[in-house]
Amino acid sequence: VFVTENGGFPEPALPEMTEREGFYHALVMLVTPGLFSNLQKTLVEGPLDGLQAVSAVTGPAVIRGGWDLKRQSPRATQAFISSGSVWFYRLNREQWERVRPMHGQQVGEELALGYGQIFFGLWK
């Protein structure tokens, strides 16, 4: 797997988005597993705060734990949304302009560990 110096995946170009029927039809793909405080809500509504996805294709939750080197103890297991999960959004111009800068960024929790990176795609 090819990753950049900061640990994330290389950012593909943001697709050219045009309005269709008064909306931007965008998909959001979770490229790395995502940890969210409200897993069920995020699975249904998507990872973009305050916006409701039209539909979603998600995999099963991924349970992760591990070892905390600093504390020399096990890390608690947590449920993550699996990478490759996709949410479909119909966004008005204001919503699209607000979320567009999030392309290639991370959402959710434990971002320093590389979780929650998203990319936008064109939903045709």
PDB file of N, CA and C in Angstrom:
ATOM      1  N   VAL A   1       0.846  -1.173   0.000  1.00  0.00           N
ATOM      2  CA  VAL A   1       0.000   0.000   0.000  1.00  0.00           C
ATOM      3  C   VAL A   1       0.888   1.230   0.000  1.00  0.00           C
ATOM      4  N   PHE A   2       0.581   2.147  -0.858  1.00  0.00           N
ATOM      5  CA  PHE A   2       1.341   3.388  -0.944  1.00  0.00           C
ATOM      6  C   PHE A   2       0.714   4.440  -0.041  1.00  0.00           C
ATOM      7  N   VAL A   3       1.486   5.029   0.860  1.00  0.00           N
ATOM      8  CA  VAL A   3       0.987   6.094   1.725  1.00  0.00           C
ATOM      9  C   VAL A   3       1.911   7.292   1.621  1.00  0.00           C
ATOM     10  N   THR A   4       1.410   8.452   1.989  1.00  0.00           N
ATOM     11  CA  THR A   4       2.209   9.664   1.944  1.00  0.00           C
ATOM     12  C   THR A   4       3.024   9.796   3.221  1.00  0.00           C
ATOM     13  N   GLU A   5       3.869  10.825   3.277  1.00  0.00           N
ATOM     14  CA  GLU A   5       4.712  11.043   4.450  1.00  0.00           C
ATOM     15  C   GLU A   5       3.902  11.220   5.724  1.00  0.00           C
ATOM     16  N   ASN A   6       2.700  11.825   5.619  1.00  0.00           N
ATOM     17  CA  ASN A   6       1.900  12.039   6.824  1.00  0.00           C
ATOM     18  C   ASN A   6       1.108  10.801   7.215  1.00  0.00           C
ATOM     19  N   GLY A   7       1.273   9.706   6.481  1.00  0.00           N
ATOM     20  CA  GLY A   7       0.629   8.457   6.850  1.00  0.00           C
ATOM     21  C   GLY A   7      -0.670   8.174   6.143  1.00  0.00           C
ATOM     22  N   GLY A   8      -1.273   9.171   5.500  1.00  0.00           N
ATOM     23  CA  GLY A   8      -2.544   8.962   4.811  1.00  0.00           C
ATOM     24  C   GLY A   8      -2.339   8.474   3.395  1.00  0.00           C
ATOM     25  N   PHE A   9      -3.432   8.116   2.766  1.00  0.00           N
ATOM     26  CA  PHE A   9      -3.373   7.730   1.368  1.00  0.00           C
ATOM     27  C   PHE A   9      -3.187   8.973   0.514  1.00  0.00           C
ATOM     28  N   PRO A  10      -2.538   8.858  -0.645  1.00  0.00           N
ATOM     29  CA  PRO A  10      -2.396  10.025  -1.513  1.00  0.00           C
ATOM     30  C   PRO A  10      -3.783  10.517  -1.926  1.00  0.00           C
ATOM     31  N   GLU A  11      -3.955  11.812  -1.961  1.00  0.00           N
ATOM     32  CA  GLU A  11      -5.258  12.391  -2.252  1.00  0.00           C
ATOM     33  C   GLU A  11      -5.512  12.439  -3.757  1.00  0.00           C
ATOM     34  N   PRO A  12      -6.552  11.735  -4.223  1.00  0.00           N
ATOM     35  CA  PRO A  12      -6.899  11.850  -5.637  1.00  0.00           C
ATOM     36  C   PRO A  12      -7.529  13.217  -5.884  1.00  0.00           C
ATOM     37  N   ALA A  13      -7.542  13.628  -7.123  1.00  0.00           N
ATOM     38  CA  ALA A  13      -8.153  14.907  -7.462  1.00  0.00           C
ATOM     39  C   ALA A  13      -9.642  14.876  -7.135  1.00  0.00           C
ATOM     40  N   LEU A  14     -10.134  15.991  -6.656  1.00  0.00           N
ATOM     41  CA  LEU A  14     -11.559  16.120  -6.389  1.00  0.00           C
ATOM     42  C   LEU A  14     -12.279  16.133  -7.737  1.00  0.00           C
ATOM     43  N   PRO A  15     -13.267  15.259  -7.931  1.00  0.00           N
ATOM     44  CA  PRO A  15     -13.957  15.242  -9.217  1.00  0.00           C
ATOM     45  C   PRO A  15     -14.709  16.548  -9.446  1.00  0.00           C
ATOM     46  N   GLU A  16     -14.832  16.924 -10.703  1.00  0.00           N
ATOM     47  CA  GLU A  16     -15.592  18.127 -11.026  1.00  0.00           C
ATOM     48  C   GLU A  16     -17.065  17.847 -10.772  1.00  0.00           C
ATOM     49  N   MET A  17     -17.637  18.639  -9.901  1.00  0.00           N
ATOM     50  CA  MET A  17     -19.032  18.447  -9.524  1.00  0.00           C
ATOM     51  C   MET A  17     -19.870  19.539 -10.173  1.00  0.00           C
ATOM     52  N   THR A  18     -20.972  19.157 -10.772  1.00  0.00           N
ATOM     53  CA  THR A  18     -21.913  20.113 -11.330  1.00  0.00           C
ATOM     54  C   THR A  18     -23.288  19.830 -10.742  1.00  0.00           C
ATOM     55  N   GLU A  19     -24.088  20.889 -10.696  1.00  0.00           N
ATOM     56  CA  GLU A  19     -25.437  20.725 -10.162  1.00  0.00           C
ATOM     57  C   GLU A  19     -26.283  19.922 -11.141  1.00  0.00           C
ATOM     58  N   ARG A  20     -27.082  19.046 -10.571  1.00  0.00           N
ATOM     59  CA  ARG A  20     -28.060  18.283 -11.328  1.00  0.00           C
ATOM     60  C   ARG A  20     -29.367  18.368 -10.572  1.00  0.00           C
ATOM     61  N   GLU A  21     -30.396  18.848 -11.221  1.00  0.00           N
ATOM     62  CA  GLU A  21     -31.703  18.978 -10.580  1.00  0.00           C
ATOM     63  C   GLU A  21     -31.622  19.816  -9.305  1.00  0.00           C
ATOM     64  N   GLY A  22     -30.727  20.810  -9.306  1.00  0.00           N
ATOM     65  CA  GLY A  22     -30.586  21.702  -8.165  1.00  0.00           C
ATOM     66  C   GLY A  22     -29.726  21.180  -7.028  1.00  0.00           C
ATOM     67  N   PHE A  23     -29.094  20.035  -7.226  1.00  0.00           N
ATOM     68  CA  PHE A  23     -28.268  19.445  -6.166  1.00  0.00           C
ATOM     69  C   PHE A  23     -26.940  18.950  -6.723  1.00  0.00           C
ATOM     70  N   TYR A  24     -25.970  18.855  -5.827  1.00  0.00           N
ATOM     71  CA  TYR A  24     -24.712  18.178  -6.126  1.00  0.00           C
ATOM     72  C   TYR A  24     -24.876  16.756  -5.604  1.00  0.00           C
ATOM     73  N   HIS A  25     -24.641  15.791  -6.452  1.00  0.00           N
ATOM     74  CA  HIS A  25     -24.775  14.381  -6.062  1.00  0.00           C
ATOM     75  C   HIS A  25     -23.369  13.850  -5.793  1.00  0.00           C
ATOM     76  N   ALA A  26     -23.044  13.756  -4.516  1.00  0.00           N
ATOM     77  CA  ALA A  26     -21.691  13.366  -4.110  1.00  0.00           C
ATOM     78  C   ALA A  26     -21.748  12.087  -3.294  1.00  0.00           C
ATOM     79  N   LEU A  27     -20.694  11.308  -3.436  1.00  0.00           N
ATOM     80  CA  LEU A  27     -20.541  10.165  -2.548  1.00  0.00           C
ATOM     81  C   LEU A  27     -19.330  10.418  -1.672  1.00  0.00           C
ATOM     82  N   VAL A  28     -19.371   9.864  -0.484  1.00  0.00           N
ATOM     83  CA  VAL A  28     -18.268   9.971   0.463  1.00  0.00           C
ATOM     84  C   VAL A  28     -17.807   8.558   0.779  1.00  0.00           C
ATOM     85  N   MET A  29     -16.529   8.301   0.534  1.00  0.00           N
ATOM     86  CA  MET A  29     -15.971   6.978   0.832  1.00  0.00           C
ATOM     87  C   MET A  29     -15.013   7.084   2.004  1.00  0.00           C
ATOM     88  N   LEU A  30     -15.172   6.175   2.932  1.00  0.00           N
ATOM     89  CA  LEU A  30     -14.270   6.065   4.071  1.00  0.00           C
ATOM     90  C   LEU A  30     -13.092   5.202   3.619  1.00  0.00           C
ATOM     91  N   VAL A  31     -11.925   5.818   3.510  1.00  0.00           N
ATOM     92  CA  VAL A  31     -10.749   5.122   2.965  1.00  0.00           C
ATOM     93  C   VAL A  31     -10.007   4.339   4.038  1.00  0.00           C
ATOM     94  N   THR A  32     -10.041   4.843   5.253  1.00  0.00           N
ATOM     95  CA  THR A  32      -9.465   4.114   6.387  1.00  0.00           C
ATOM     96  C   THR A  32     -10.595   3.861   7.384  1.00  0.00           C
ATOM     97  N   PRO A  33     -10.500   2.832   8.205  1.00  0.00           N
ATOM     98  CA  PRO A  33     -11.577   2.578   9.169  1.00  0.00           C
ATOM     99  C   PRO A  33     -11.879   3.830   9.984  1.00  0.00           C
ATOM    100  N   GLY A  34     -13.132   3.998  10.364  1.00  0.00           N
ATOM    101  CA  GLY A  34     -13.528   5.194  11.100  1.00  0.00           C
ATOM    102  C   GLY A  34     -14.077   4.866  12.475  1.00  0.00           C
ATOM    103  N   LEU A  35     -13.665   5.649  13.444  1.00  0.00           N
ATOM    104  CA  LEU A  35     -14.156   5.522  14.816  1.00  0.00           C
ATOM    105  C   LEU A  35     -15.010   6.754  15.105  1.00  0.00           C
ATOM    106  N   PHE A  36     -16.253   6.527  15.490  1.00  0.00           N
ATOM    107  CA  PHE A  36     -17.197   7.612  15.727  1.00  0.00           C
ATOM    108  C   PHE A  36     -17.876   7.407  17.070  1.00  0.00           C
ATOM    109  N   SER A  37     -18.175   8.525  17.754  1.00  0.00           N
ATOM    110  CA  SER A  37     -18.790   8.429  19.085  1.00  0.00           C
ATOM    111  C   SER A  37     -20.162   7.776  19.026  1.00  0.00           C
ATOM    112  N   ASN A  38     -20.903   8.002  17.936  1.00  0.00           N
ATOM    113  CA  ASN A  38     -22.212   7.372  17.768  1.00  0.00           C
ATOM    114  C   ASN A  38     -22.176   6.542  16.489  1.00  0.00           C
ATOM    115  N   LEU A  39     -21.722   5.318  16.618  1.00  0.00           N
ATOM    116  CA  LEU A  39     -21.516   4.449  15.461  1.00  0.00           C
ATOM    117  C   LEU A  39     -22.806   4.240  14.668  1.00  0.00           C
ATOM    118  N   GLN A  40     -23.897   3.946  15.352  1.00  0.00           N
ATOM    119  CA  GLN A  40     -25.166   3.662  14.671  1.00  0.00           C
ATOM    120  C   GLN A  40     -25.655   4.867  13.874  1.00  0.00           C
ATOM    121  N   LYS A  41     -25.577   6.047  14.473  1.00  0.00           N
ATOM    122  CA  LYS A  41     -26.005   7.271  13.785  1.00  0.00           C
ATOM    123  C   LYS A  41     -25.148   7.516  12.550  1.00  0.00           C
ATOM    124  N   THR A  42     -23.845   7.338  12.665  1.00  0.00           N
ATOM    125  CA  THR A  42     -22.948   7.565  11.536  1.00  0.00           C
ATOM    126  C   THR A  42     -23.200   6.548  10.427  1.00  0.00           C
ATOM    127  N   LEU A  43     -23.473   5.303  10.788  1.00  0.00           N
ATOM    128  CA  LEU A  43     -23.784   4.302   9.765  1.00  0.00           C
ATOM    129  C   LEU A  43     -24.994   4.712   8.936  1.00  0.00           C
ATOM    130  N   VAL A  44     -25.996   5.284   9.581  1.00  0.00           N
ATOM    131  CA  VAL A  44     -27.238   5.657   8.901  1.00  0.00           C
ATOM    132  C   VAL A  44     -27.119   7.006   8.202  1.00  0.00           C
ATOM    133  N   GLU A  45     -26.634   8.019   8.913  1.00  0.00           N
ATOM    134  CA  GLU A  45     -26.628   9.382   8.379  1.00  0.00           C
ATOM    135  C   GLU A  45     -25.367   9.729   7.608  1.00  0.00           C
ATOM    136  N   GLY A  46     -24.271   9.029   7.873  1.00  0.00           N
ATOM    137  CA  GLY A  46     -23.012   9.314   7.214  1.00  0.00           C
ATOM    138  C   GLY A  46     -22.074  10.115   8.085  1.00  0.00           C
ATOM    139  N   PRO A  47     -20.838  10.302   7.620  1.00  0.00           N
ATOM    140  CA  PRO A  47     -19.815  10.947   8.440  1.00  0.00           C
ATOM    141  C   PRO A  47     -19.774  12.467   8.346  1.00  0.00           C
ATOM    142  N   LEU A  48     -20.651  13.084   7.553  1.00  0.00           N
ATOM    143  CA  LEU A  48     -20.652  14.534   7.423  1.00  0.00           C
ATOM    144  C   LEU A  48     -21.633  15.122   8.441  1.00  0.00           C
ATOM    145  N   ASP A  49     -21.103  15.770   9.463  1.00  0.00           N
ATOM    146  CA  ASP A  49     -21.926  16.308  10.550  1.00  0.00           C
ATOM    147  C   ASP A  49     -23.040  17.209  10.036  1.00  0.00           C
ATOM    148  N   GLY A  50     -24.238  16.973  10.528  1.00  0.00           N
ATOM    149  CA  GLY A  50     -25.368  17.814  10.202  1.00  0.00           C
ATOM    150  C   GLY A  50     -26.021  17.539   8.863  1.00  0.00           C
ATOM    151  N   LEU A  51     -25.535  16.566   8.125  1.00  0.00           N
ATOM    152  CA  LEU A  51     -26.105  16.230   6.819  1.00  0.00           C
ATOM    153  C   LEU A  51     -26.603  14.799   6.830  1.00  0.00           C
ATOM    154  N   GLN A  52     -27.693  14.557   6.151  1.00  0.00           N
ATOM    155  CA  GLN A  52     -28.304  13.230   6.102  1.00  0.00           C
ATOM    156  C   GLN A  52     -28.004  12.579   4.753  1.00  0.00           C
ATOM    157  N   ALA A  53     -27.393  11.417   4.767  1.00  0.00           N
ATOM    158  CA  ALA A  53     -27.139  10.673   3.537  1.00  0.00           C
ATOM    159  C   ALA A  53     -28.455  10.129   2.984  1.00  0.00           C
ATOM    160  N   VAL A  54     -28.525  10.016   1.675  1.00  0.00           N
ATOM    161  CA  VAL A  54     -29.692   9.433   1.012  1.00  0.00           C
ATOM    162  C   VAL A  54     -29.663   7.920   1.159  1.00  0.00           C
ATOM    163  N   SER A  55     -28.472   7.351   1.040  1.00  0.00           N
ATOM    164  CA  SER A  55     -28.295   5.909   1.095  1.00  0.00           C
ATOM    165  C   SER A  55     -26.854   5.611   1.487  1.00  0.00           C
ATOM    166  N   ALA A  56     -26.601   4.362   1.840  1.00  0.00           N
ATOM    167  CA  ALA A  56     -25.251   3.977   2.238  1.00  0.00           C
ATOM    168  C   ALA A  56     -24.993   2.519   1.888  1.00  0.00           C
ATOM    169  N   VAL A  57     -23.732   2.216   1.665  1.00  0.00           N
ATOM    170  CA  VAL A  57     -23.270   0.840   1.507  1.00  0.00           C
ATOM    171  C   VAL A  57     -22.101   0.700   2.471  1.00  0.00           C
ATOM    172  N   THR A  58     -22.325  -0.049   3.547  1.00  0.00           N
ATOM    173  CA  THR A  58     -21.287  -0.196   4.563  1.00  0.00           C
ATOM    174  C   THR A  58     -21.024  -1.673   4.833  1.00  0.00           C
ATOM    175  N   GLY A  59     -19.841  -1.940   5.255  1.00  0.00           N
ATOM    176  CA  GLY A  59     -19.493  -3.300   5.626  1.00  0.00           C
ATOM    177  C   GLY A  59     -19.799  -3.523   7.094  1.00  0.00           C
ATOM    178  N   PRO A  60     -19.494  -4.696   7.586  1.00  0.00           N
ATOM    179  CA  PRO A  60     -19.707  -4.964   9.013  1.00  0.00           C
ATOM    180  C   PRO A  60     -18.727  -4.153   9.854  1.00  0.00           C
ATOM    181  N   ALA A  61     -19.110  -3.891  11.082  1.00  0.00           N
ATOM    182  CA  ALA A  61     -18.216  -3.174  11.993  1.00  0.00           C
ATOM    183  C   ALA A  61     -16.939  -3.986  12.185  1.00  0.00           C
ATOM    184  N   VAL A  62     -15.850  -3.287  12.347  1.00  0.00           N
ATOM    185  CA  VAL A  62     -14.549  -3.908  12.575  1.00  0.00           C
ATOM    186  C   VAL A  62     -14.193  -3.675  14.043  1.00  0.00           C
ATOM    187  N   ILE A  63     -13.918  -4.738  14.768  1.00  0.00           N
ATOM    188  CA  ILE A  63     -13.561  -4.619  16.185  1.00  0.00           C
ATOM    189  C   ILE A  63     -12.038  -4.578  16.282  1.00  0.00           C
ATOM    190  N   ARG A  64     -11.541  -3.521  16.946  1.00  0.00           N
ATOM    191  CA  ARG A  64     -10.098  -3.362  17.092  1.00  0.00           C
ATOM    192  C   ARG A  64      -9.748  -3.118  18.544  1.00  0.00           C
ATOM    193  N   GLY A  65      -8.596  -3.577  18.901  1.00  0.00           N
ATOM    194  CA  GLY A  65      -8.046  -3.354  20.237  1.00  0.00           C
ATOM    195  C   GLY A  65      -6.565  -3.128  20.082  1.00  0.00           C
ATOM    196  N   GLY A  66      -5.779  -3.814  20.872  1.00  0.00           N
ATOM    197  CA  GLY A  66      -4.334  -3.694  20.724  1.00  0.00           C
ATOM    198  C   GLY A  66      -3.655  -3.512  22.056  1.00  0.00           C
ATOM    199  N   TRP A  67      -2.427  -3.058  21.983  1.00  0.00           N
ATOM    200  CA  TRP A  67      -1.612  -2.894  23.174  1.00  0.00           C
ATOM    201  C   TRP A  67      -1.182  -1.448  23.285  1.00  0.00           C
ATOM    202  N   ASP A  68      -1.364  -0.840  24.436  1.00  0.00           N
ATOM    203  CA  ASP A  68      -0.956   0.528  24.705  1.00  0.00           C
ATOM    204  C   ASP A  68       0.468   0.492  25.232  1.00  0.00           C
ATOM    205  N   LEU A  69       1.430   0.865  24.392  1.00  0.00           N
ATOM    206  CA  LEU A  69       2.836   0.814  24.792  1.00  0.00           C
ATOM    207  C   LEU A  69       3.153   1.786  25.925  1.00  0.00           C
ATOM    208  N   LYS A  70       2.518   2.940  25.913  1.00  0.00           N
ATOM    209  CA  LYS A  70       2.799   3.944  26.936  1.00  0.00           C
ATOM    210  C   LYS A  70       2.367   3.468  28.323  1.00  0.00           C
ATOM    211  N   ARG A  71       1.198   2.864  28.395  1.00  0.00           N
ATOM    212  CA  ARG A  71       0.664   2.409  29.691  1.00  0.00           C
ATOM    213  C   ARG A  71       0.978   0.944  29.981  1.00  0.00           C
ATOM    214  N   GLN A  72       1.545   0.255  28.999  1.00  0.00           N
ATOM    215  CA  GLN A  72       1.857  -1.171  29.147  1.00  0.00           C
ATOM    216  C   GLN A  72       0.631  -1.973  29.576  1.00  0.00           C
ATOM    217  N   SER A  73      -0.447  -1.733  28.831  1.00  0.00           N
ATOM    218  CA  SER A  73      -1.693  -2.447  29.123  1.00  0.00           C
ATOM    219  C   SER A  73      -2.513  -2.578  27.828  1.00  0.00           C
ATOM    220  N   PRO A  74      -3.469  -3.492  27.834  1.00  0.00           N
ATOM    221  CA  PRO A  74      -4.291  -3.651  26.633  1.00  0.00           C
ATOM    222  C   PRO A  74      -5.161  -2.415  26.387  1.00  0.00           C
ATOM    223  N   ARG A  75      -5.349  -2.101  25.125  1.00  0.00           N
ATOM    224  CA  ARG A  75      -6.293  -1.048  24.747  1.00  0.00           C
ATOM    225  C   ARG A  75      -7.681  -1.673  24.712  1.00  0.00           C
ATOM    226  N   ALA A  76      -8.678  -0.915  25.077  1.00  0.00           N
ATOM    227  CA  ALA A  76     -10.059  -1.407  25.023  1.00  0.00           C
ATOM    228  C   ALA A  76     -10.443  -1.676  23.567  1.00  0.00           C
ATOM    229  N   THR A  77     -11.219  -2.718  23.357  1.00  0.00           N
ATOM    230  CA  THR A  77     -11.699  -2.976  21.994  1.00  0.00           C
ATOM    231  C   THR A  77     -12.789  -1.968  21.657  1.00  0.00           C
ATOM    232  N   GLN A  78     -12.813  -1.551  20.388  1.00  0.00           N
ATOM    233  CA  GLN A  78     -13.775  -0.570  19.916  1.00  0.00           C
ATOM    234  C   GLN A  78     -14.287  -1.004  18.552  1.00  0.00           C
ATOM    235  N   ALA A  79     -15.521  -0.614  18.244  1.00  0.00           N
ATOM    236  CA  ALA A  79     -16.118  -0.925  16.951  1.00  0.00           C
ATOM    237  C   ALA A  79     -15.875   0.236  15.992  1.00  0.00           C
ATOM    238  N   PHE A  80     -15.322  -0.070  14.830  1.00  0.00           N
ATOM    239  CA  PHE A  80     -15.030   0.898  13.788  1.00  0.00           C
ATOM    240  C   PHE A  80     -15.920   0.620  12.578  1.00  0.00           C
ATOM    241  N   ILE A  81     -16.231   1.675  11.821  1.00  0.00           N
ATOM    242  CA  ILE A  81     -16.886   1.483  10.529  1.00  0.00           C
ATOM    243  C   ILE A  81     -15.794   1.087   9.543  1.00  0.00           C
ATOM    244  N   SER A  82     -16.053   0.063   8.762  1.00  0.00           N
ATOM    245  CA  SER A  82     -15.010  -0.489   7.898  1.00  0.00           C
ATOM    246  C   SER A  82     -14.665   0.439   6.739  1.00  0.00           C
ATOM    247  N   SER A  83     -13.386   0.400   6.355  1.00  0.00           N
ATOM    248  CA  SER A  83     -12.954   1.168   5.193  1.00  0.00           C
ATOM    249  C   SER A  83     -13.695   0.638   3.964  1.00  0.00           C
ATOM    250  N   GLY A  84     -13.909   1.508   3.001  1.00  0.00           N
ATOM    251  CA  GLY A  84     -14.663   1.149   1.813  1.00  0.00           C
ATOM    252  C   GLY A  84     -16.145   1.450   1.936  1.00  0.00           C
ATOM    253  N   SER A  85     -16.590   1.834   3.124  1.00  0.00           N
ATOM    254  CA  SER A  85     -17.991   2.210   3.298  1.00  0.00           C
ATOM    255  C   SER A  85     -18.265   3.495   2.524  1.00  0.00           C
ATOM    256  N   VAL A  86     -19.453   3.583   1.921  1.00  0.00           N
ATOM    257  CA  VAL A  86     -19.795   4.715   1.057  1.00  0.00           C
ATOM    258  C   VAL A  86     -21.178   5.250   1.438  1.00  0.00           C
ATOM    259  N   TRP A  87     -21.293   6.586   1.459  1.00  0.00           N
ATOM    260  CA  TRP A  87     -22.574   7.254   1.689  1.00  0.00           C
ATOM    261  C   TRP A  87     -22.858   8.158   0.504  1.00  0.00           C
ATOM    262  N   PHE A  88     -24.125   8.232   0.125  1.00  0.00           N
ATOM    263  CA  PHE A  88     -24.555   9.029  -1.014  1.00  0.00           C
ATOM    264  C   PHE A  88     -25.349  10.232  -0.509  1.00  0.00           C
ATOM    265  N   TYR A  89     -24.975  11.419  -0.986  1.00  0.00           N
ATOM    266  CA  TYR A  89     -25.589  12.667  -0.529  1.00  0.00           C
ATOM    267  C   TYR A  89     -26.126  13.473  -1.707  1.00  0.00           C
ATOM    268  N   ARG A  90     -27.239  14.164  -1.456  1.00  0.00           N
ATOM    269  CA  ARG A  90     -27.761  15.206  -2.350  1.00  0.00           C
ATOM    270  C   ARG A  90     -27.571  16.508  -1.599  1.00  0.00           C
ATOM    271  N   LEU A  91     -26.666  17.335  -2.079  1.00  0.00           N
ATOM    272  CA  LEU A  91     -26.286  18.546  -1.359  1.00  0.00           C
ATOM    273  C   LEU A  91     -26.647  19.788  -2.161  1.00  0.00           C
ATOM    274  N   ASN A  92     -27.182  20.796  -1.472  1.00  0.00           N
ATOM    275  CA  ASN A  92     -27.391  22.054  -2.170  1.00  0.00           C
ATOM    276  C   ASN A  92     -26.044  22.767  -2.290  1.00  0.00           C
ATOM    277  N   ARG A  93     -26.016  23.889  -2.990  1.00  0.00           N
ATOM    278  CA  ARG A  93     -24.744  24.589  -3.253  1.00  0.00           C
ATOM    279  C   ARG A  93     -24.036  24.967  -1.946  1.00  0.00           C
ATOM    280  N   GLU A  94     -24.766  25.502  -0.978  1.00  0.00           N
ATOM    281  CA  GLU A  94     -24.165  25.911   0.291  1.00  0.00           C
ATOM    282  C   GLU A  94     -23.557  24.717   1.036  1.00  0.00           C
ATOM    283  N   GLN A  95     -24.275  23.598   1.064  1.00  0.00           N
ATOM    284  CA  GLN A  95     -23.768  22.398   1.736  1.00  0.00           C
ATOM    285  C   GLN A  95     -22.515  21.878   1.035  1.00  0.00           C
ATOM    286  N   TRP A  96     -22.531  21.854  -0.297  1.00  0.00           N
ATOM    287  CA  TRP A  96     -21.370  21.361  -1.044  1.00  0.00           C
ATOM    288  C   TRP A  96     -20.154  22.243  -0.787  1.00  0.00           C
ATOM    289  N   GLU A  97     -20.338  23.556  -0.817  1.00  0.00           N
ATOM    290  CA  GLU A  97     -19.220  24.466  -0.572  1.00  0.00           C
ATOM    291  C   GLU A  97     -18.667  24.290   0.839  1.00  0.00           C
ATOM    292  N   ARG A  98     -19.528  23.965   1.782  1.00  0.00           N
ATOM    293  CA  ARG A  98     -19.089  23.760   3.169  1.00  0.00           C
ATOM    294  C   ARG A  98     -18.273  22.483   3.334  1.00  0.00           C
ATOM    295  N   VAL A  99     -18.662  21.396   2.671  1.00  0.00           N
ATOM    296  CA  VAL A  99     -17.983  20.110   2.885  1.00  0.00           C
ATOM    297  C   VAL A  99     -16.866  19.834   1.884  1.00  0.00           C
ATOM    298  N   ARG A 100     -16.862  20.517   0.771  1.00  0.00           N
ATOM    299  CA  ARG A 100     -15.848  20.262  -0.271  1.00  0.00           C
ATOM    300  C   ARG A 100     -14.408  20.273   0.254  1.00  0.00           C
ATOM    301  N   PRO A 101     -14.038  21.194   1.149  1.00  0.00           N
ATOM    302  CA  PRO A 101     -12.658  21.183   1.668  1.00  0.00           C
ATOM    303  C   PRO A 101     -12.319  19.931   2.481  1.00  0.00           C
ATOM    304  N   MET A 102     -13.303  19.122   2.828  1.00  0.00           N
ATOM    305  CA  MET A 102     -13.048  17.911   3.621  1.00  0.00           C
ATOM    306  C   MET A 102     -12.481  16.771   2.773  1.00  0.00           C
ATOM    307  N   HIS A 103     -12.453  16.932   1.456  1.00  0.00           N
ATOM    308  CA  HIS A 103     -11.911  15.883   0.570  1.00  0.00           C
ATOM    309  C   HIS A 103     -10.481  15.560   0.985  1.00  0.00           C
ATOM    310  N   GLY A 104     -10.229  14.299   1.323  1.00  0.00           N
ATOM    311  CA  GLY A 104      -8.902  13.856   1.735  1.00  0.00           C
ATOM    312  C   GLY A 104      -8.613  14.049   3.209  1.00  0.00           C
ATOM    313  N   GLN A 105      -9.523  14.688   3.938  1.00  0.00           N
ATOM    314  CA  GLN A 105      -9.327  14.945   5.369  1.00  0.00           C
ATOM    315  C   GLN A 105      -9.831  13.748   6.186  1.00  0.00           C
ATOM    316  N   GLN A 106      -9.728  13.878   7.477  1.00  0.00           N
ATOM    317  CA  GLN A 106     -10.173  12.823   8.387  1.00  0.00           C
ATOM    318  C   GLN A 106     -11.342  13.323   9.227  1.00  0.00           C
ATOM    319  N   VAL A 107     -12.248  12.410   9.540  1.00  0.00           N
ATOM    320  CA  VAL A 107     -13.408  12.715  10.374  1.00  0.00           C
ATOM    321  C   VAL A 107     -13.510  11.662  11.469  1.00  0.00           C
ATOM    322  N   GLY A 108     -14.187  12.005  12.556  1.00  0.00           N
ATOM    323  CA  GLY A 108     -14.369  11.044  13.636  1.00  0.00           C
ATOM    324  C   GLY A 108     -13.341  11.230  14.731  1.00  0.00           C
ATOM    325  N   GLU A 109     -12.920  10.109  15.309  1.00  0.00           N
ATOM    326  CA  GLU A 109     -12.008  10.120  16.453  1.00  0.00           C
ATOM    327  C   GLU A 109     -10.725   9.355  16.130  1.00  0.00           C
ATOM    328  N   GLU A 110      -9.725   9.536  16.996  1.00  0.00           N
ATOM    329  CA  GLU A 110      -8.416   8.864  16.863  1.00  0.00           C
ATOM    330  C   GLU A 110      -7.749   9.198  15.524  1.00  0.00           C
ATOM    331  N   LEU A 111      -7.867  10.468  15.109  1.00  0.00           N
ATOM    332  CA  LEU A 111      -7.336  10.885  13.815  1.00  0.00           C
ATOM    333  C   LEU A 111      -5.819  10.759  13.739  1.00  0.00           C
ATOM    334  N   ALA A 112      -5.137  10.945  14.857  1.00  0.00           N
ATOM    335  CA  ALA A 112      -3.675  10.836  14.872  1.00  0.00           C
ATOM    336  C   ALA A 112      -3.212   9.430  14.506  1.00  0.00           C
ATOM    337  N   LEU A 113      -4.096   8.453  14.653  1.00  0.00           N
ATOM    338  CA  LEU A 113      -3.748   7.069  14.306  1.00  0.00           C
ATOM    339  C   LEU A 113      -4.130   6.733  12.862  1.00  0.00           C
ATOM    340  N   GLY A 114      -4.586   7.734  12.108  1.00  0.00           N
ATOM    341  CA  GLY A 114      -4.881   7.528  10.696  1.00  0.00           C
ATOM    342  C   GLY A 114      -6.304   7.113  10.385  1.00  0.00           C
ATOM    343  N   TYR A 115      -7.161   7.111  11.369  1.00  0.00           N
ATOM    344  CA  TYR A 115      -8.537   6.675  11.136  1.00  0.00           C
ATOM    345  C   TYR A 115      -9.375   7.782  10.508  1.00  0.00           C
ATOM    346  N   GLY A 116     -10.408   7.376   9.786  1.00  0.00           N
ATOM    347  CA  GLY A 116     -11.436   8.289   9.320  1.00  0.00           C
ATOM    348  C   GLY A 116     -11.135   9.128   8.101  1.00  0.00           C
ATOM    349  N   GLN A 117     -10.206   8.719   7.250  1.00  0.00           N
ATOM    350  CA  GLN A 117      -9.925   9.520   6.054  1.00  0.00           C
ATOM    351  C   GLN A 117     -11.031   9.306   5.018  1.00  0.00           C
ATOM    352  N   ILE A 118     -11.522  10.412   4.444  1.00  0.00           N
ATOM    353  CA  ILE A 118     -12.602  10.342   3.460  1.00  0.00           C
ATOM    354  C   ILE A 118     -12.187  10.991   2.138  1.00  0.00           C
ATOM    355  N   PHE A 119     -12.789  10.505   1.072  1.00  0.00           N
ATOM    356  CA  PHE A 119     -12.669  11.113  -0.247  1.00  0.00           C
ATOM    357  C   PHE A 119     -14.054  11.283  -0.817  1.00  0.00           C
ATOM    358  N   PHE A 120     -14.240  12.329  -1.608  1.00  0.00           N
ATOM    359  CA  PHE A 120     -15.491  12.547  -2.306  1.00  0.00           C
ATOM    360  C   PHE A 120     -15.400  11.938  -3.703  1.00  0.00           C
ATOM    361  N   GLY A 121     -16.530  11.493  -4.184  1.00  0.00           N
ATOM    362  CA  GLY A 121     -16.634  11.006  -5.538  1.00  0.00           C
ATOM    363  C   GLY A 121     -17.910  11.540  -6.154  1.00  0.00           C
ATOM    364  N   LEU A 122     -18.045  11.377  -7.438  1.00  0.00           N
ATOM    365  CA  LEU A 122     -19.220  11.820  -8.171  1.00  0.00           C
ATOM    366  C   LEU A 122     -20.229  10.697  -8.219  1.00  0.00           C
ATOM    367  N   TRP A 123     -21.425  10.976  -7.764  1.00  0.00           N
ATOM    368  CA  TRP A 123     -22.514  10.001  -7.786  1.00  0.00           C
ATOM    369  C   TRP A 123     -23.331  10.285  -9.026  1.00  0.00           C
ATOM    370  N   LYS A 124     -23.210   9.399 -10.006  1.00  0.00           N
ATOM    371  CA  LYS A 124     -23.934   9.592 -11.278  1.00  0.00           C
ATOM    372  C   LYS A 124     -25.255   8.908 -11.268  1.00  0.00           C
TER     373      LYS A 124
END
